[in-house]
């Protein structure tokens, strides 16, 4: 079980986009990286294909190391812990002690 999941709101705590918040679009558990909506934008040169007839230069989100993002609960960034409640392992916000899911 990981501390950050898809569709979580996260805050970037280091790098060129420090301070920005966004929704997690994808989590790569093998490489410990996440893609955050609207953050770490990179330019990619694409060849013409059936999906994109013209090709050209497009802007897409790049991956960010999972250690550089923090989960946002109730508008404030917090660390994440785990507790067993009713026989289920749940994520808990360290700042408030509130169960996340």
N, C-alpha and C. Protein backbone atom coordinates (compact mmCIF):
# COMPACT_ATOMS: atom_id res chain seq x y z
N UNK A 1 0.85 -1.19 0.00
CA UNK A 1 0.00 0.00 0.00
C UNK A 1 0.89 1.25 0.00
N UNK A 2 0.57 2.19 -0.86
CA UNK A 2 1.39 3.39 -1.00
C UNK A 2 0.71 4.59 -0.37
N UNK A 3 1.51 5.60 -0.06
CA UNK A 3 1.00 6.78 0.63
C UNK A 3 0.28 7.74 -0.31
N UNK A 4 0.64 7.73 -1.60
CA UNK A 4 0.01 8.59 -2.60
C UNK A 4 -0.70 7.71 -3.62
N UNK A 5 -1.94 8.05 -3.93
CA UNK A 5 -2.72 7.29 -4.91
C UNK A 5 -3.23 8.22 -6.00
N UNK A 6 -3.74 7.61 -7.08
CA UNK A 6 -4.32 8.37 -8.18
C UNK A 6 -5.52 9.18 -7.67
N UNK A 7 -5.72 10.36 -8.22
CA UNK A 7 -6.82 11.29 -7.88
C UNK A 7 -6.65 11.98 -6.53
N UNK A 8 -5.51 11.79 -5.84
CA UNK A 8 -5.22 12.54 -4.62
C UNK A 8 -4.80 13.97 -4.99
N UNK A 9 -5.07 14.92 -4.11
CA UNK A 9 -4.55 16.28 -4.26
C UNK A 9 -3.20 16.32 -3.55
N UNK A 10 -2.18 16.81 -4.25
CA UNK A 10 -0.84 16.87 -3.66
C UNK A 10 -0.25 18.26 -3.85
N UNK A 11 0.72 18.59 -2.99
CA UNK A 11 1.47 19.84 -3.09
C UNK A 11 2.92 19.48 -3.38
N UNK A 12 3.52 20.20 -4.33
CA UNK A 12 4.92 19.94 -4.68
C UNK A 12 5.79 20.72 -3.69
N UNK A 13 6.73 20.02 -3.05
CA UNK A 13 7.53 20.64 -2.00
C UNK A 13 8.95 20.96 -2.42
N UNK A 14 9.36 20.55 -3.62
CA UNK A 14 10.69 20.93 -4.11
C UNK A 14 10.73 20.88 -5.63
N UNK A 15 11.69 21.57 -6.20
CA UNK A 15 11.85 21.60 -7.65
C UNK A 15 11.33 22.90 -8.24
N UNK A 16 11.26 22.95 -9.57
CA UNK A 16 10.89 24.20 -10.25
C UNK A 16 9.43 24.59 -10.03
N UNK A 17 8.58 23.64 -9.70
CA UNK A 17 7.15 23.91 -9.47
C UNK A 17 6.80 23.92 -7.98
N UNK A 18 7.77 24.21 -7.13
CA UNK A 18 7.57 24.20 -5.68
C UNK A 18 6.40 25.11 -5.29
N UNK A 19 5.49 24.58 -4.45
CA UNK A 19 4.35 25.35 -3.98
C UNK A 19 3.07 25.10 -4.75
N UNK A 20 3.16 24.54 -5.95
CA UNK A 20 1.97 24.26 -6.74
C UNK A 20 1.22 23.06 -6.19
N UNK A 21 -0.11 23.06 -6.37
CA UNK A 21 -0.91 21.90 -6.00
C UNK A 21 -1.63 21.39 -7.24
N UNK A 22 -1.92 20.11 -7.25
CA UNK A 22 -2.62 19.51 -8.38
C UNK A 22 -3.05 18.10 -8.07
N UNK A 23 -3.82 17.54 -9.00
CA UNK A 23 -4.34 16.19 -8.85
C UNK A 23 -3.36 15.19 -9.45
N UNK A 24 -3.19 14.06 -8.79
CA UNK A 24 -2.30 13.01 -9.30
C UNK A 24 -3.01 12.27 -10.43
N UNK A 25 -2.38 12.26 -11.62
CA UNK A 25 -2.96 11.58 -12.77
C UNK A 25 -2.51 10.13 -12.85
N UNK A 26 -1.25 9.87 -12.44
CA UNK A 26 -0.70 8.53 -12.57
C UNK A 26 0.38 8.32 -11.52
N UNK A 27 0.47 7.10 -10.99
CA UNK A 27 1.51 6.74 -10.04
C UNK A 27 2.28 5.56 -10.60
N UNK A 28 3.61 5.70 -10.71
CA UNK A 28 4.48 4.61 -11.15
C UNK A 28 5.17 4.04 -9.91
N UNK A 29 4.67 2.92 -9.42
CA UNK A 29 5.17 2.36 -8.17
C UNK A 29 6.55 1.74 -8.31
N UNK A 30 6.89 1.26 -9.50
CA UNK A 30 8.21 0.64 -9.70
C UNK A 30 9.33 1.68 -9.66
N UNK A 31 9.07 2.85 -10.26
CA UNK A 31 10.09 3.91 -10.31
C UNK A 31 9.88 4.97 -9.22
N UNK A 32 8.82 4.82 -8.41
CA UNK A 32 8.47 5.79 -7.35
C UNK A 32 8.32 7.20 -7.90
N UNK A 33 7.52 7.35 -8.95
CA UNK A 33 7.29 8.66 -9.57
C UNK A 33 5.79 8.88 -9.77
N UNK A 34 5.40 10.16 -9.80
CA UNK A 34 4.00 10.52 -10.02
C UNK A 34 3.90 11.57 -11.11
N UNK A 35 2.74 11.63 -11.77
CA UNK A 35 2.44 12.68 -12.73
C UNK A 35 1.34 13.53 -12.12
N UNK A 36 1.62 14.84 -11.94
CA UNK A 36 0.67 15.77 -11.33
C UNK A 36 0.13 16.70 -12.41
N UNK A 37 -1.19 16.89 -12.40
CA UNK A 37 -1.88 17.69 -13.41
C UNK A 37 -1.37 19.13 -13.42
N UNK A 38 -0.89 19.58 -14.59
CA UNK A 38 -0.45 20.96 -14.76
C UNK A 38 0.90 21.30 -14.18
N UNK A 39 1.65 20.32 -13.71
CA UNK A 39 2.96 20.58 -13.09
C UNK A 39 4.06 19.85 -13.84
N UNK A 40 5.28 20.41 -13.76
CA UNK A 40 6.46 19.85 -14.42
C UNK A 40 6.22 19.65 -15.92
N UNK A 41 5.74 20.71 -16.58
CA UNK A 41 5.42 20.64 -18.01
C UNK A 41 6.70 20.52 -18.83
N UNK A 42 6.70 19.59 -19.78
CA UNK A 42 7.83 19.40 -20.68
C UNK A 42 7.34 19.49 -22.12
N UNK A 43 8.23 19.87 -23.04
CA UNK A 43 7.86 19.91 -24.45
C UNK A 43 8.32 18.61 -25.10
N UNK A 44 7.43 18.05 -25.89
CA UNK A 44 7.73 16.78 -26.55
C UNK A 44 7.53 16.96 -28.06
N UNK A 45 8.48 16.50 -28.83
CA UNK A 45 8.39 16.58 -30.28
C UNK A 45 7.79 15.28 -30.78
N UNK A 46 6.66 15.36 -31.50
CA UNK A 46 5.97 14.15 -31.95
C UNK A 46 5.94 14.08 -33.47
N UNK A 47 6.05 12.85 -33.97
CA UNK A 47 5.94 12.61 -35.40
C UNK A 47 4.46 12.55 -35.77
N UNK A 48 4.13 12.82 -37.03
CA UNK A 48 2.74 12.66 -37.44
C UNK A 48 2.29 11.21 -37.29
N UNK A 49 1.08 11.02 -36.80
CA UNK A 49 0.53 9.67 -36.63
C UNK A 49 -0.96 9.72 -36.93
N UNK A 50 -1.63 8.60 -36.78
CA UNK A 50 -3.08 8.55 -37.04
C UNK A 50 -3.83 9.41 -36.01
N UNK A 51 -3.36 9.43 -34.78
CA UNK A 51 -4.03 10.21 -33.73
C UNK A 51 -3.74 11.71 -33.90
N UNK A 52 -2.50 12.05 -34.22
CA UNK A 52 -2.09 13.45 -34.38
C UNK A 52 -1.56 13.61 -35.80
N UNK A 53 -2.40 14.10 -36.70
CA UNK A 53 -2.05 14.15 -38.13
C UNK A 53 -0.85 15.05 -38.43
N UNK A 54 -0.75 16.17 -37.72
CA UNK A 54 0.31 17.13 -38.03
C UNK A 54 1.62 16.86 -37.31
N UNK A 55 1.55 16.24 -36.14
CA UNK A 55 2.77 16.09 -35.34
C UNK A 55 3.12 17.43 -34.72
N UNK A 56 4.39 17.69 -34.49
CA UNK A 56 4.82 18.98 -33.96
C UNK A 56 5.23 18.91 -32.50
N UNK A 57 5.21 20.08 -31.85
CA UNK A 57 5.66 20.19 -30.46
C UNK A 57 4.44 20.29 -29.55
N UNK A 58 4.37 19.41 -28.55
CA UNK A 58 3.27 19.44 -27.59
C UNK A 58 3.82 19.56 -26.17
N UNK A 59 3.02 20.12 -25.28
CA UNK A 59 3.39 20.23 -23.87
C UNK A 59 2.65 19.16 -23.08
N UNK A 60 3.39 18.35 -22.32
CA UNK A 60 2.77 17.33 -21.46
C UNK A 60 3.40 17.38 -20.08
N UNK A 61 2.72 16.76 -19.12
CA UNK A 61 3.25 16.70 -17.77
C UNK A 61 4.37 15.66 -17.68
N UNK A 62 5.45 16.02 -17.02
CA UNK A 62 6.55 15.10 -16.77
C UNK A 62 6.37 14.45 -15.40
N UNK A 63 7.16 13.44 -15.12
CA UNK A 63 7.06 12.76 -13.82
C UNK A 63 7.84 13.50 -12.76
N UNK A 64 7.39 13.36 -11.51
CA UNK A 64 8.03 13.95 -10.35
C UNK A 64 8.29 12.83 -9.37
N UNK A 65 9.44 12.86 -8.69
CA UNK A 65 9.71 11.84 -7.69
C UNK A 65 8.69 11.94 -6.56
N UNK A 66 8.24 10.79 -6.08
CA UNK A 66 7.17 10.74 -5.08
C UNK A 66 7.58 11.39 -3.77
N UNK A 67 8.90 11.48 -3.51
CA UNK A 67 9.37 12.12 -2.28
C UNK A 67 9.24 13.64 -2.35
N UNK A 68 9.01 14.19 -3.54
CA UNK A 68 8.90 15.64 -3.71
C UNK A 68 7.47 16.15 -3.69
N UNK A 69 6.51 15.28 -3.36
CA UNK A 69 5.12 15.71 -3.24
C UNK A 69 4.58 15.32 -1.87
N UNK A 70 3.60 16.12 -1.40
CA UNK A 70 2.98 15.89 -0.11
C UNK A 70 1.47 15.88 -0.28
N UNK A 71 0.80 14.97 0.37
CA UNK A 71 -0.65 14.87 0.28
C UNK A 71 -1.31 16.08 0.92
N UNK A 72 -2.36 16.62 0.27
CA UNK A 72 -3.11 17.74 0.81
C UNK A 72 -4.44 17.23 1.34
N UNK A 73 -4.68 17.47 2.65
CA UNK A 73 -5.94 17.08 3.29
C UNK A 73 -6.54 18.33 3.91
N UNK A 74 -7.77 18.66 3.56
CA UNK A 74 -8.47 19.85 4.07
C UNK A 74 -7.66 21.13 3.85
N UNK A 75 -7.02 21.23 2.69
CA UNK A 75 -6.31 22.45 2.33
C UNK A 75 -4.91 22.60 2.88
N UNK A 76 -4.43 21.64 3.68
CA UNK A 76 -3.07 21.74 4.19
C UNK A 76 -2.29 20.46 3.92
N UNK A 77 -1.00 20.66 3.57
CA UNK A 77 -0.13 19.52 3.27
C UNK A 77 0.20 18.78 4.55
N UNK A 78 0.21 17.46 4.47
CA UNK A 78 0.46 16.65 5.66
C UNK A 78 1.19 15.37 5.29
N UNK A 79 1.89 14.83 6.27
CA UNK A 79 2.51 13.52 6.08
C UNK A 79 1.43 12.46 6.24
N UNK A 80 1.74 11.24 5.80
CA UNK A 80 0.74 10.18 5.80
C UNK A 80 1.23 9.01 6.65
N UNK A 81 0.36 8.50 7.49
CA UNK A 81 0.65 7.31 8.28
C UNK A 81 -0.41 6.26 8.01
N UNK A 82 -0.25 5.11 8.63
CA UNK A 82 -1.23 4.03 8.46
C UNK A 82 -1.71 3.55 9.81
N UNK A 83 -3.00 3.22 9.88
CA UNK A 83 -3.58 2.64 11.09
C UNK A 83 -4.53 1.53 10.66
N UNK A 84 -4.74 0.59 11.57
CA UNK A 84 -5.71 -0.47 11.31
C UNK A 84 -6.99 -0.11 12.05
N UNK A 85 -8.07 0.10 11.28
CA UNK A 85 -9.37 0.41 11.86
C UNK A 85 -10.39 -0.58 11.33
N UNK A 86 -11.10 -1.24 12.24
CA UNK A 86 -12.11 -2.24 11.88
C UNK A 86 -11.53 -3.32 10.97
N UNK A 87 -10.30 -3.73 11.23
CA UNK A 87 -9.67 -4.80 10.46
C UNK A 87 -9.17 -4.36 9.10
N UNK A 88 -9.23 -3.05 8.78
CA UNK A 88 -8.75 -2.56 7.50
C UNK A 88 -7.63 -1.56 7.74
N UNK A 89 -6.63 -1.60 6.86
CA UNK A 89 -5.51 -0.66 6.93
C UNK A 89 -5.91 0.61 6.19
N UNK A 90 -5.90 1.74 6.87
CA UNK A 90 -6.30 3.00 6.26
C UNK A 90 -5.19 4.03 6.39
N UNK A 91 -5.18 4.98 5.43
CA UNK A 91 -4.22 6.08 5.49
C UNK A 91 -4.74 7.13 6.47
N UNK A 92 -3.82 7.72 7.23
CA UNK A 92 -4.20 8.71 8.24
C UNK A 92 -3.32 9.94 8.05
N UNK A 93 -3.94 11.14 8.11
CA UNK A 93 -3.20 12.40 8.04
C UNK A 93 -2.52 12.63 9.37
N UNK A 94 -1.21 12.86 9.35
CA UNK A 94 -0.45 13.04 10.59
C UNK A 94 -0.82 14.34 11.30
N UNK A 95 -1.15 15.41 10.55
CA UNK A 95 -1.46 16.69 11.16
C UNK A 95 -2.76 16.66 11.94
N UNK A 96 -3.79 16.03 11.36
CA UNK A 96 -5.11 16.05 11.98
C UNK A 96 -5.50 14.73 12.63
N UNK A 97 -4.84 13.65 12.24
CA UNK A 97 -5.20 12.32 12.75
C UNK A 97 -6.45 11.76 12.12
N UNK A 98 -6.91 12.41 11.04
CA UNK A 98 -8.14 12.01 10.35
C UNK A 98 -7.85 10.93 9.32
N UNK A 99 -8.74 9.94 9.21
CA UNK A 99 -8.61 8.90 8.19
C UNK A 99 -8.89 9.50 6.82
N UNK A 100 -8.06 9.14 5.83
CA UNK A 100 -8.18 9.72 4.50
C UNK A 100 -9.15 8.93 3.63
N UNK A 101 -9.06 7.60 3.67
CA UNK A 101 -9.98 6.83 2.81
C UNK A 101 -10.59 5.66 3.54
